[in-house]
Amino acid sequence: MPDHANSALQAKRRASLARIQKLAFWLDDAFRVPLIGRRVGIDGIIGILPFAGDVAGLALSSLMIGEAVRLGAPKRLLARMGANVGVDFAVGLIPIAGDLFDMAYKANRRNQTLMQRWLEDVTDASAGARGVGSIGILLGVAAALVACGGLWRAVFG
């Protein structure tokens, strides 16, 4: 690969990593809870709203997976990211306990770490999952739908 193409790819990856880090910060760590000294983000705060807040958090968390797709992340990485978001969403649906789990689990920070490791390890610009990148998002949404169905049956019989 020519040097100019390689440097352009590296610049694209650095910019993407910066976006991912900002998104993870805002979603998981933006605000400090005064009495306990823990950090919570927008995802944890809006997750307090029953169902709608969890769906909004799922949508915001999916932005990071979209960024991974754009960079051509491998299917395995997308699946792990989707699973993190799916677990965060599904458990977050449980009133109170799910909200506390959501604030502690920090799926977006986990996904940021996965992306950062992959971007650091990647040396081949042709590593790609173009066209199949929605698998991670679909896995996360599928896990969330299964959990919603189970929760619905448990609550409404």
N, C-alpha and C. Protein backbone atom coordinates (compact mmCIF):
# COMPACT_ATOMS: atom_id res chain seq x y z
N MET A 1 0.85 -1.17 0.00
CA MET A 1 0.00 0.00 0.00
C MET A 1 0.90 1.24 0.00
N PRO A 2 0.61 2.21 -0.85
CA PRO A 2 1.42 3.43 -0.89
C PRO A 2 1.35 4.17 0.45
N ASP A 3 2.41 4.92 0.75
CA ASP A 3 2.49 5.63 2.03
C ASP A 3 1.35 6.63 2.22
N HIS A 4 0.98 7.35 1.15
CA HIS A 4 -0.08 8.35 1.32
C HIS A 4 -1.42 7.70 1.63
N ALA A 5 -1.68 6.54 1.04
CA ALA A 5 -2.93 5.83 1.33
C ALA A 5 -2.91 5.29 2.76
N ASN A 6 -1.76 4.78 3.17
CA ASN A 6 -1.62 4.25 4.53
C ASN A 6 -1.79 5.37 5.57
N SER A 7 -1.18 6.51 5.32
CA SER A 7 -1.30 7.62 6.28
C SER A 7 -2.73 8.16 6.32
N ALA A 8 -3.41 8.16 5.17
CA ALA A 8 -4.81 8.59 5.15
C ALA A 8 -5.68 7.63 5.94
N LEU A 9 -5.40 6.33 5.80
CA LEU A 9 -6.15 5.33 6.56
C LEU A 9 -5.89 5.48 8.05
N GLN A 10 -4.65 5.71 8.42
CA GLN A 10 -4.32 5.90 9.84
C GLN A 10 -5.01 7.14 10.40
N ALA A 11 -5.06 8.21 9.63
CA ALA A 11 -5.74 9.43 10.07
C ALA A 11 -7.23 9.18 10.25
N LYS A 12 -7.81 8.42 9.34
CA LYS A 12 -9.23 8.07 9.44
C LYS A 12 -9.49 7.27 10.71
N ARG A 13 -8.60 6.33 11.00
CA ARG A 13 -8.75 5.50 12.20
C ARG A 13 -8.58 6.32 13.47
N ARG A 14 -7.62 7.23 13.48
CA ARG A 14 -7.42 8.08 14.67
C ARG A 14 -8.65 8.96 14.91
N ALA A 15 -9.19 9.53 13.85
CA ALA A 15 -10.39 10.37 13.98
C ALA A 15 -11.57 9.55 14.47
N SER A 16 -11.70 8.34 13.96
CA SER A 16 -12.79 7.47 14.37
C SER A 16 -12.64 7.08 15.84
N LEU A 17 -11.43 6.78 16.25
CA LEU A 17 -11.19 6.42 17.65
C LEU A 17 -11.52 7.60 18.56
N ALA A 18 -11.20 8.80 18.14
CA ALA A 18 -11.53 9.99 18.94
C ALA A 18 -13.05 10.12 19.08
N ARG A 19 -13.80 9.87 18.00
CA ARG A 19 -15.27 9.94 18.06
C ARG A 19 -15.80 8.86 19.01
N ILE A 20 -15.24 7.66 18.93
CA ILE A 20 -15.68 6.56 19.77
C ILE A 20 -15.40 6.88 21.24
N GLN A 21 -14.24 7.46 21.53
CA GLN A 21 -13.90 7.80 22.91
C GLN A 21 -14.85 8.87 23.46
N LYS A 22 -15.17 9.87 22.65
CA LYS A 22 -16.11 10.91 23.10
C LYS A 22 -17.49 10.32 23.34
N LEU A 23 -17.94 9.48 22.43
CA LEU A 23 -19.27 8.87 22.56
C LEU A 23 -19.34 8.00 23.82
N ALA A 24 -18.31 7.19 24.05
CA ALA A 24 -18.29 6.34 25.24
C ALA A 24 -18.28 7.19 26.51
N PHE A 25 -17.53 8.28 26.51
CA PHE A 25 -17.51 9.17 27.67
C PHE A 25 -18.90 9.71 27.95
N TRP A 26 -19.55 10.28 26.94
CA TRP A 26 -20.87 10.88 27.15
C TRP A 26 -21.92 9.85 27.54
N LEU A 27 -21.84 8.66 26.96
CA LEU A 27 -22.85 7.65 27.25
C LEU A 27 -22.66 6.96 28.60
N ASP A 28 -21.40 6.84 29.07
CA ASP A 28 -21.15 6.05 30.28
C ASP A 28 -20.54 6.81 31.45
N ASP A 29 -19.88 7.95 31.24
CA ASP A 29 -19.09 8.56 32.32
C ASP A 29 -19.22 10.09 32.44
N ALA A 30 -20.14 10.71 31.79
CA ALA A 30 -20.16 12.17 31.69
C ALA A 30 -20.40 12.91 33.02
N PHE A 31 -21.13 12.29 33.92
CA PHE A 31 -21.52 12.99 35.14
C PHE A 31 -21.09 12.20 36.38
N ARG A 32 -20.66 12.91 37.38
CA ARG A 32 -20.26 12.28 38.64
C ARG A 32 -21.42 12.36 39.62
N VAL A 33 -21.79 11.22 40.22
CA VAL A 33 -22.85 11.19 41.22
C VAL A 33 -22.21 11.60 42.54
N PRO A 34 -22.64 12.73 43.11
CA PRO A 34 -21.95 13.33 44.26
C PRO A 34 -21.77 12.44 45.48
N LEU A 35 -22.77 11.79 45.96
CA LEU A 35 -22.67 11.06 47.22
C LEU A 35 -21.84 9.78 47.14
N ILE A 36 -21.86 9.14 45.99
CA ILE A 36 -21.14 7.87 45.88
C ILE A 36 -19.84 7.98 45.08
N GLY A 37 -19.64 9.10 44.42
CA GLY A 37 -18.41 9.31 43.68
C GLY A 37 -18.29 8.50 42.40
N ARG A 38 -19.34 7.83 41.97
CA ARG A 38 -19.33 7.06 40.72
C ARG A 38 -19.72 7.95 39.56
N ARG A 39 -19.30 7.54 38.38
CA ARG A 39 -19.64 8.30 37.18
C ARG A 39 -20.75 7.57 36.44
N VAL A 40 -21.64 8.34 35.85
CA VAL A 40 -22.75 7.81 35.08
C VAL A 40 -22.91 8.70 33.84
N GLY A 41 -23.38 8.10 32.78
CA GLY A 41 -23.55 8.87 31.54
C GLY A 41 -24.99 8.99 31.13
N ILE A 42 -25.18 9.52 29.96
CA ILE A 42 -26.51 9.74 29.41
C ILE A 42 -27.28 8.42 29.32
N ASP A 43 -26.59 7.34 28.93
CA ASP A 43 -27.24 6.04 28.81
C ASP A 43 -27.84 5.60 30.14
N GLY A 44 -27.10 5.75 31.22
CA GLY A 44 -27.60 5.37 32.54
C GLY A 44 -28.74 6.25 33.01
N ILE A 45 -28.68 7.52 32.67
CA ILE A 45 -29.73 8.46 33.11
C ILE A 45 -31.02 8.22 32.36
N ILE A 46 -30.94 8.13 31.01
CA ILE A 46 -32.19 7.94 30.26
C ILE A 46 -32.73 6.53 30.45
N GLY A 47 -31.87 5.58 30.85
CA GLY A 47 -32.32 4.22 31.10
C GLY A 47 -33.29 4.12 32.26
N ILE A 48 -33.34 5.15 33.10
CA ILE A 48 -34.28 5.16 34.22
C ILE A 48 -35.72 5.21 33.72
N LEU A 49 -35.93 5.84 32.56
CA LEU A 49 -37.28 5.86 31.97
C LEU A 49 -37.62 4.45 31.50
N PRO A 50 -38.73 3.89 31.97
CA PRO A 50 -39.07 2.52 31.60
C PRO A 50 -39.20 2.35 30.08
N PHE A 51 -38.59 1.33 29.57
CA PHE A 51 -38.56 0.89 28.18
C PHE A 51 -38.09 1.95 27.19
N ALA A 52 -38.74 3.11 27.13
CA ALA A 52 -38.36 4.14 26.15
C ALA A 52 -36.92 4.60 26.36
N GLY A 53 -36.51 4.74 27.61
CA GLY A 53 -35.14 5.15 27.89
C GLY A 53 -34.15 4.08 27.49
N ASP A 54 -34.52 2.81 27.68
CA ASP A 54 -33.66 1.71 27.29
C ASP A 54 -33.53 1.61 25.77
N VAL A 55 -34.62 1.85 25.08
CA VAL A 55 -34.59 1.84 23.61
C VAL A 55 -33.73 2.99 23.10
N ALA A 56 -33.87 4.16 23.72
CA ALA A 56 -33.04 5.31 23.32
C ALA A 56 -31.56 5.02 23.58
N GLY A 57 -31.26 4.39 24.72
CA GLY A 57 -29.88 4.01 25.03
C GLY A 57 -29.34 3.01 24.03
N LEU A 58 -30.20 2.05 23.61
CA LEU A 58 -29.82 1.07 22.59
C LEU A 58 -29.47 1.77 21.28
N ALA A 59 -30.28 2.74 20.91
CA ALA A 59 -30.03 3.47 19.66
C ALA A 59 -28.71 4.25 19.75
N LEU A 60 -28.47 4.92 20.87
CA LEU A 60 -27.23 5.67 21.02
C LEU A 60 -26.01 4.75 21.05
N SER A 61 -26.13 3.62 21.71
CA SER A 61 -25.03 2.66 21.76
C SER A 61 -24.75 2.05 20.39
N SER A 62 -25.77 1.95 19.57
CA SER A 62 -25.60 1.41 18.23
C SER A 62 -24.78 2.33 17.33
N LEU A 63 -24.69 3.61 17.70
CA LEU A 63 -23.85 4.53 16.92
C LEU A 63 -22.39 4.08 16.91
N MET A 64 -21.94 3.55 18.04
CA MET A 64 -20.56 3.08 18.12
C MET A 64 -20.36 1.86 17.23
N ILE A 65 -21.35 0.99 17.19
CA ILE A 65 -21.25 -0.18 16.32
C ILE A 65 -21.25 0.27 14.85
N GLY A 66 -22.04 1.28 14.56
CA GLY A 66 -22.04 1.84 13.21
C GLY A 66 -20.68 2.38 12.82
N GLU A 67 -20.00 2.98 13.75
CA GLU A 67 -18.64 3.48 13.51
C GLU A 67 -17.69 2.32 13.21
N ALA A 68 -17.86 1.23 13.95
CA ALA A 68 -17.03 0.04 13.73
C ALA A 68 -17.29 -0.55 12.34
N VAL A 69 -18.56 -0.56 11.93
CA VAL A 69 -18.91 -1.04 10.60
C VAL A 69 -18.25 -0.17 9.54
N ARG A 70 -18.31 1.13 9.73
CA ARG A 70 -17.73 2.08 8.77
C ARG A 70 -16.23 1.85 8.60
N LEU A 71 -15.57 1.45 9.67
CA LEU A 71 -14.13 1.20 9.61
C LEU A 71 -13.80 -0.19 9.07
N GLY A 72 -14.80 -1.01 8.86
CA GLY A 72 -14.56 -2.36 8.35
C GLY A 72 -14.12 -3.34 9.41
N ALA A 73 -14.63 -3.19 10.62
CA ALA A 73 -14.29 -4.10 11.71
C ALA A 73 -14.73 -5.52 11.36
N PRO A 74 -14.00 -6.52 11.84
CA PRO A 74 -14.37 -7.91 11.54
C PRO A 74 -15.68 -8.31 12.21
N LYS A 75 -16.31 -9.33 11.64
CA LYS A 75 -17.61 -9.79 12.14
C LYS A 75 -17.55 -10.18 13.61
N ARG A 76 -16.46 -10.81 14.01
CA ARG A 76 -16.33 -11.26 15.40
C ARG A 76 -16.36 -10.07 16.36
N LEU A 77 -15.69 -9.00 16.00
CA LEU A 77 -15.68 -7.80 16.84
C LEU A 77 -17.08 -7.18 16.89
N LEU A 78 -17.73 -7.11 15.74
CA LEU A 78 -19.08 -6.55 15.69
C LEU A 78 -20.05 -7.38 16.53
N ALA A 79 -19.87 -8.70 16.50
CA ALA A 79 -20.74 -9.57 17.30
C ALA A 79 -20.52 -9.33 18.79
N ARG A 80 -19.27 -9.17 19.21
CA ARG A 80 -18.98 -8.90 20.63
C ARG A 80 -19.55 -7.55 21.06
N MET A 81 -19.41 -6.56 20.20
CA MET A 81 -19.96 -5.25 20.51
C MET A 81 -21.48 -5.31 20.59
N GLY A 82 -22.10 -6.02 19.64
CA GLY A 82 -23.55 -6.18 19.66
C GLY A 82 -24.02 -6.92 20.90
N ALA A 83 -23.26 -7.92 21.33
CA ALA A 83 -23.62 -8.65 22.54
C ALA A 83 -23.54 -7.74 23.77
N ASN A 84 -22.50 -6.90 23.84
CA ASN A 84 -22.39 -5.95 24.96
C ASN A 84 -23.61 -5.03 25.02
N VAL A 85 -23.99 -4.50 23.88
CA VAL A 85 -25.13 -3.59 23.82
C VAL A 85 -26.43 -4.35 24.12
N GLY A 86 -26.54 -5.58 23.61
CA GLY A 86 -27.74 -6.39 23.87
C GLY A 86 -27.91 -6.72 25.34
N VAL A 87 -26.82 -7.10 25.99
CA VAL A 87 -26.88 -7.40 27.43
C VAL A 87 -27.26 -6.13 28.20
N ASP A 88 -26.63 -5.03 27.85
CA ASP A 88 -26.92 -3.75 28.49
C ASP A 88 -28.41 -3.41 28.36
N PHE A 89 -28.94 -3.60 27.17
CA PHE A 89 -30.35 -3.29 26.93
C PHE A 89 -31.27 -4.25 27.66
N ALA A 90 -31.02 -5.55 27.50
CA ALA A 90 -31.93 -6.56 28.06
C ALA A 90 -31.98 -6.49 29.59
N VAL A 91 -30.84 -6.42 30.23
CA VAL A 91 -30.83 -6.35 31.69
C VAL A 91 -31.34 -4.99 32.16
N GLY A 92 -31.07 -3.96 31.38
CA GLY A 92 -31.53 -2.62 31.73
C GLY A 92 -33.05 -2.49 31.76
N LEU A 93 -33.75 -3.42 31.14
CA LEU A 93 -35.22 -3.39 31.14
C LEU A 93 -35.81 -3.73 32.50
N ILE A 94 -35.04 -4.42 33.34
CA ILE A 94 -35.53 -4.80 34.66
C ILE A 94 -35.58 -3.54 35.54
N PRO A 95 -36.73 -3.22 36.10
CA PRO A 95 -36.83 -2.00 36.90
C PRO A 95 -35.82 -1.98 38.06
N ILE A 96 -35.25 -0.87 38.32
CA ILE A 96 -34.30 -0.53 39.38
C ILE A 96 -33.01 -1.35 39.30
N ALA A 97 -33.09 -2.66 39.49
CA ALA A 97 -31.87 -3.49 39.43
C ALA A 97 -31.21 -3.39 38.06
N GLY A 98 -32.01 -3.38 37.01
CA GLY A 98 -31.48 -3.25 35.66
C GLY A 98 -30.84 -1.90 35.42
N ASP A 99 -31.41 -0.87 36.00
CA ASP A 99 -30.84 0.47 35.87
C ASP A 99 -29.49 0.56 36.58
N LEU A 100 -29.40 -0.04 37.75
CA LEU A 100 -28.13 -0.06 38.48
C LEU A 100 -27.08 -0.87 37.72
N PHE A 101 -27.50 -2.01 37.15
CA PHE A 101 -26.60 -2.81 36.33
C PHE A 101 -26.11 -2.00 35.14
N ASP A 102 -27.04 -1.32 34.48
CA ASP A 102 -26.72 -0.51 33.30
C ASP A 102 -25.65 0.53 33.62
N MET A 103 -25.77 1.16 34.78
CA MET A 103 -24.81 2.19 35.18
C MET A 103 -23.44 1.60 35.52
N ALA A 104 -23.43 0.35 35.97
CA ALA A 104 -22.16 -0.29 36.36
C ALA A 104 -21.51 -1.04 35.20
N TYR A 105 -22.28 -1.62 34.31
CA TYR A 105 -21.77 -2.47 33.24
C TYR A 105 -20.98 -1.68 32.19
N LYS A 106 -21.46 -0.50 31.85
CA LYS A 106 -20.78 0.42 30.92
C LYS A 106 -20.42 -0.26 29.60
N ALA A 107 -21.43 -0.69 28.89
CA ALA A 107 -21.24 -1.38 27.62
C ALA A 107 -20.49 -0.53 26.60
N ASN A 108 -20.70 0.76 26.63
CA ASN A 108 -20.04 1.63 25.65
C ASN A 108 -18.54 1.73 25.91
N ARG A 109 -18.15 1.76 27.17
CA ARG A 109 -16.71 1.74 27.50
C ARG A 109 -16.10 0.41 27.09
N ARG A 110 -16.84 -0.67 27.29
CA ARG A 110 -16.36 -1.99 26.87
C ARG A 110 -16.15 -2.01 25.36
N ASN A 111 -17.12 -1.46 24.63
CA ASN A 111 -17.01 -1.44 23.17
C ASN A 111 -15.89 -0.50 22.71
N GLN A 112 -15.69 0.59 23.41
CA GLN A 112 -14.58 1.48 23.09
C GLN A 112 -13.26 0.73 23.23
N THR A 113 -13.12 -0.02 24.31
CA THR A 113 -11.89 -0.79 24.54
C THR A 113 -11.68 -1.83 23.44
N LEU A 114 -12.75 -2.52 23.06
CA LEU A 114 -12.64 -3.50 21.98
C LEU A 114 -12.19 -2.84 20.68
N MET A 115 -12.81 -1.70 20.36
CA MET A 115 -12.45 -0.99 19.12
C MET A 115 -11.02 -0.48 19.18
N GLN A 116 -10.62 0.05 20.31
CA GLN A 116 -9.28 0.59 20.46
C GLN A 116 -8.24 -0.52 20.27
N ARG A 117 -8.47 -1.66 20.90
CA ARG A 117 -7.55 -2.79 20.74
C ARG A 117 -7.47 -3.23 19.29
N TRP A 118 -8.63 -3.32 18.63
CA TRP A 118 -8.64 -3.76 17.24
C TRP A 118 -7.89 -2.75 16.36
N LEU A 119 -8.15 -1.48 16.56
CA LEU A 119 -7.49 -0.46 15.75
C LEU A 119 -5.98 -0.46 15.98
N GLU A 120 -5.55 -0.73 17.20
CA GLU A 120 -4.13 -0.79 17.48
C GLU A 120 -3.49 -2.02 16.85
N ASP A 121 -4.21 -3.14 16.85
CA ASP A 121 -3.66 -4.39 16.34
C ASP A 121 -3.69 -4.49 14.82
N VAL A 122 -4.62 -3.78 14.22
CA VAL A 122 -4.82 -3.93 12.78
C VAL A 122 -3.62 -3.35 12.02
N THR A 123 -3.11 -4.10 11.11
CA THR A 123 -2.03 -3.58 10.28
C THR A 123 -2.39 -3.67 8.81
N ASP A 124 -3.35 -4.47 8.51
CA ASP A 124 -3.75 -4.66 7.13
C ASP A 124 -4.98 -3.82 6.84
N ALA A 125 -4.86 -2.89 5.94
CA ALA A 125 -5.96 -1.99 5.62
C ALA A 125 -7.13 -2.70 4.96
N SER A 126 -6.91 -3.91 4.48
CA SER A 126 -7.99 -4.59 3.78
C SER A 126 -8.85 -5.43 4.71
N ALA A 127 -8.55 -5.44 6.01
CA ALA A 127 -9.40 -6.19 6.94
C ALA A 127 -10.77 -5.56 6.90
N GLY A 128 -11.77 -6.31 6.53
CA GLY A 128 -13.06 -5.66 6.38
C GLY A 128 -14.23 -6.58 6.59
N ALA A 129 -15.27 -5.94 7.00
CA ALA A 129 -16.54 -6.65 7.15
C ALA A 129 -17.61 -5.83 6.45
N ARG A 130 -17.23 -5.18 5.37
CA ARG A 130 -18.19 -4.36 4.63
C ARG A 130 -19.32 -5.26 4.11
N GLY A 131 -20.52 -4.78 4.26
CA GLY A 131 -21.67 -5.53 3.78
C GLY A 131 -22.23 -6.50 4.80
N VAL A 132 -21.45 -6.88 5.79
CA VAL A 132 -21.94 -7.79 6.81
C VAL A 132 -21.85 -7.14 8.18
N GLY A 133 -21.58 -5.87 8.23
CA GLY A 133 -21.36 -5.17 9.48
C GLY A 133 -22.58 -5.04 10.35
N SER A 134 -23.75 -5.21 9.79
CA SER A 134 -24.96 -5.07 10.60
C SER A 134 -25.22 -6.28 11.47
N ILE A 135 -24.39 -7.31 11.36
CA ILE A 135 -24.58 -8.52 12.16
C ILE A 135 -24.51 -8.20 13.65
N GLY A 136 -23.53 -7.40 14.07
CA GLY A 136 -23.40 -7.05 15.48
C GLY A 136 -24.63 -6.31 15.99
N ILE A 137 -25.12 -5.37 15.20
CA ILE A 137 -26.31 -4.62 15.58
C ILE A 137 -27.52 -5.57 15.66
N LEU A 138 -27.64 -6.44 14.67
CA LEU A 138 -28.76 -7.38 14.66
C LEU A 138 -28.72 -8.33 15.85
N LEU A 139 -27.54 -8.80 16.22
CA LEU A 139 -27.43 -9.67 17.39
C LEU A 139 -27.86 -8.95 18.66
N GLY A 140 -27.44 -7.72 18.82
CA GLY A 140 -27.82 -6.94 19.99
C GLY A 140 -29.32 -6.70 20.05
N VAL A 141 -29.90 -6.33 18.92
CA VAL A 141 -31.34 -6.07 18.87
C VAL A 141 -32.11 -7.37 19.08
N ALA A 142 -31.63 -8.49 18.51
CA ALA A 142 -32.32 -9.77 18.68
C ALA A 142 -32.32 -10.18 20.16
N ALA A 143 -31.18 -10.02 20.83
CA ALA A 143 -31.12 -10.34 22.26
C ALA A 143 -32.09 -9.47 23.04
N ALA A 144 -32.15 -8.21 22.66
CA ALA A 144 -33.06 -7.29 23.35
C ALA A 144 -34.52 -7.67 23.13
N LEU A 145 -34.87 -8.08 21.91
CA LEU A 145 -36.26 -8.47 21.62
C LEU A 145 -36.65 -9.74 22.37
N VAL A 146 -35.73 -10.69 22.44
CA VAL A 146 -36.00 -11.92 23.19
C VAL A 146 -36.25 -11.58 24.66
N ALA A 147 -35.40 -10.69 25.20
CA ALA A 147 -35.57 -10.30 26.60
C ALA A 147 -36.89 -9.56 26.80
N CYS A 148 -37.26 -8.70 25.86
CA CYS A 148 -38.53 -7.97 25.96
C CYS A 148 -39.70 -8.95 25.96
N GLY A 149 -39.65 -9.95 25.08
CA GLY A 149 -40.73 -10.94 25.02
C GLY A 149 -40.85 -11.70 26.32
N GLY A 150 -39.72 -12.11 26.87
CA GLY A 150 -39.73 -12.83 28.15
C GLY A 150 -40.25 -11.96 29.28
N LEU A 151 -39.81 -10.72 29.31
CA LEU A 151 -40.26 -9.78 30.34
C LEU A 151 -41.75 -9.51 30.21
N TRP A 152 -42.20 -9.35 28.98
CA TRP A 152 -43.64 -9.10 28.73
C TRP A 152 -44.47 -10.27 29.26
N ARG A 153 -44.04 -11.50 28.94
CA ARG A 153 -44.78 -12.68 29.42
C ARG A 153 -44.74 -12.78 30.94
N ALA A 154 -43.60 -12.45 31.52
CA ALA A 154 -43.48 -12.54 32.99
C ALA A 154 -44.38 -11.53 33.68
N VAL A 155 -44.50 -10.35 33.11
CA VAL A 155 -45.29 -9.29 33.74
C VAL A 155 -46.77 -9.43 33.41
N PHE A 156 -47.10 -9.70 32.15
CA PHE A 156 -48.50 -9.67 31.72
C PHE A 156 -49.09 -11.06 31.46
N GLY A 157 -48.28 -12.09 31.65
CA GLY A 157 -48.74 -13.48 31.53
C GLY A 157 -49.13 -13.84 30.18
